[in-house]
């Protein structure tokens, strides 16, 4: 049950980061903002990998998150 909670928390972090990146899409991000967004994606990815013991689904979530940062 604890592992499931960790997965939910990691996924929630990814959704939150992607949501921030998407809601700020109308603002041209500075390089620093883009770097912070990608860093947040990587941190959430690391948490996901730990919570899921290396699940490949975390990699797809990382890719989507980073793409949202780039589009932002």
Protein backbone atom coordinates (compact mmCIF):
# COMPACT_ATOMS: atom_id res chain seq x y z
CA UNK A 1 0.00 0.00 0.00
CA UNK A 2 2.89 2.37 0.76
CA UNK A 3 4.34 1.80 -2.71
CA UNK A 4 1.01 2.72 -4.31
CA UNK A 5 0.99 5.98 -2.37
CA UNK A 6 4.52 6.77 -3.58
CA UNK A 7 3.46 6.18 -7.18
CA UNK A 8 0.46 8.46 -6.75
CA UNK A 9 2.63 11.19 -5.24
CA UNK A 10 5.19 10.90 -8.05
CA UNK A 11 2.49 11.03 -10.70
CA UNK A 12 0.84 14.00 -9.01
CA UNK A 13 4.17 15.82 -9.08
CA UNK A 14 4.53 15.16 -12.80
CA UNK A 15 0.99 16.37 -13.47
CA UNK A 16 1.57 19.50 -11.41
CA UNK A 17 4.78 20.33 -13.28
CA UNK A 18 3.17 19.70 -16.65
CA UNK A 19 0.16 21.79 -15.62
CA UNK A 20 2.35 24.73 -14.64
CA UNK A 21 4.23 24.48 -17.91
CA UNK A 22 1.00 24.38 -19.90
CA UNK A 23 -0.73 27.21 -18.05
CA UNK A 24 2.31 29.41 -18.61
CA UNK A 25 2.37 28.60 -22.33
CA UNK A 26 1.20 32.10 -23.27
CA UNK A 27 4.25 33.62 -21.56
CA UNK A 28 7.57 33.26 -23.35
CA UNK A 29 9.71 31.40 -20.81
CA UNK A 30 13.20 32.56 -20.07
CA UNK A 31 16.05 30.11 -20.16
CA UNK A 32 16.05 29.98 -16.35
CA UNK A 33 12.34 29.14 -16.28
CA UNK A 34 12.86 26.40 -18.85
CA UNK A 35 15.75 24.96 -16.85
CA UNK A 36 13.67 25.02 -13.66
CA UNK A 37 10.83 23.25 -15.45
CA UNK A 38 13.10 20.52 -16.79
CA UNK A 39 14.75 20.15 -13.38
CA UNK A 40 11.31 19.64 -11.84
CA UNK A 41 10.56 17.00 -14.47
CA UNK A 42 13.77 15.18 -13.67
CA UNK A 43 13.11 15.30 -9.93
CA UNK A 44 9.61 13.89 -10.44
CA UNK A 45 11.07 11.23 -12.75
CA UNK A 46 13.56 10.18 -10.10
CA UNK A 47 10.77 9.91 -7.52
CA UNK A 48 8.67 7.88 -9.96
CA UNK A 49 11.54 5.50 -10.71
CA UNK A 50 12.14 4.97 -6.99
CA UNK A 51 8.44 4.49 -6.22
CA UNK A 52 7.89 2.05 -9.10
CA UNK A 53 11.26 0.31 -8.78
CA UNK A 54 12.36 1.39 -12.24
CA UNK A 55 9.15 1.24 -14.26
CA UNK A 56 9.55 2.27 -17.90
CA UNK A 57 6.31 4.26 -17.63
CA UNK A 58 8.27 6.90 -15.72
CA UNK A 59 10.39 7.52 -18.82
CA UNK A 60 7.32 8.28 -20.93
CA UNK A 61 6.08 10.67 -18.25
CA UNK A 62 9.45 12.39 -18.18
CA UNK A 63 9.39 12.84 -21.94
CA UNK A 64 5.89 14.34 -21.86
CA UNK A 65 6.85 16.66 -19.02
CA UNK A 66 9.99 17.90 -20.77
CA UNK A 67 8.06 18.42 -23.99
CA UNK A 68 5.55 20.53 -22.06
CA UNK A 69 8.46 22.62 -20.74
CA UNK A 70 9.84 23.12 -24.23
CA UNK A 71 6.45 24.11 -25.65
CA UNK A 72 5.89 26.47 -22.72
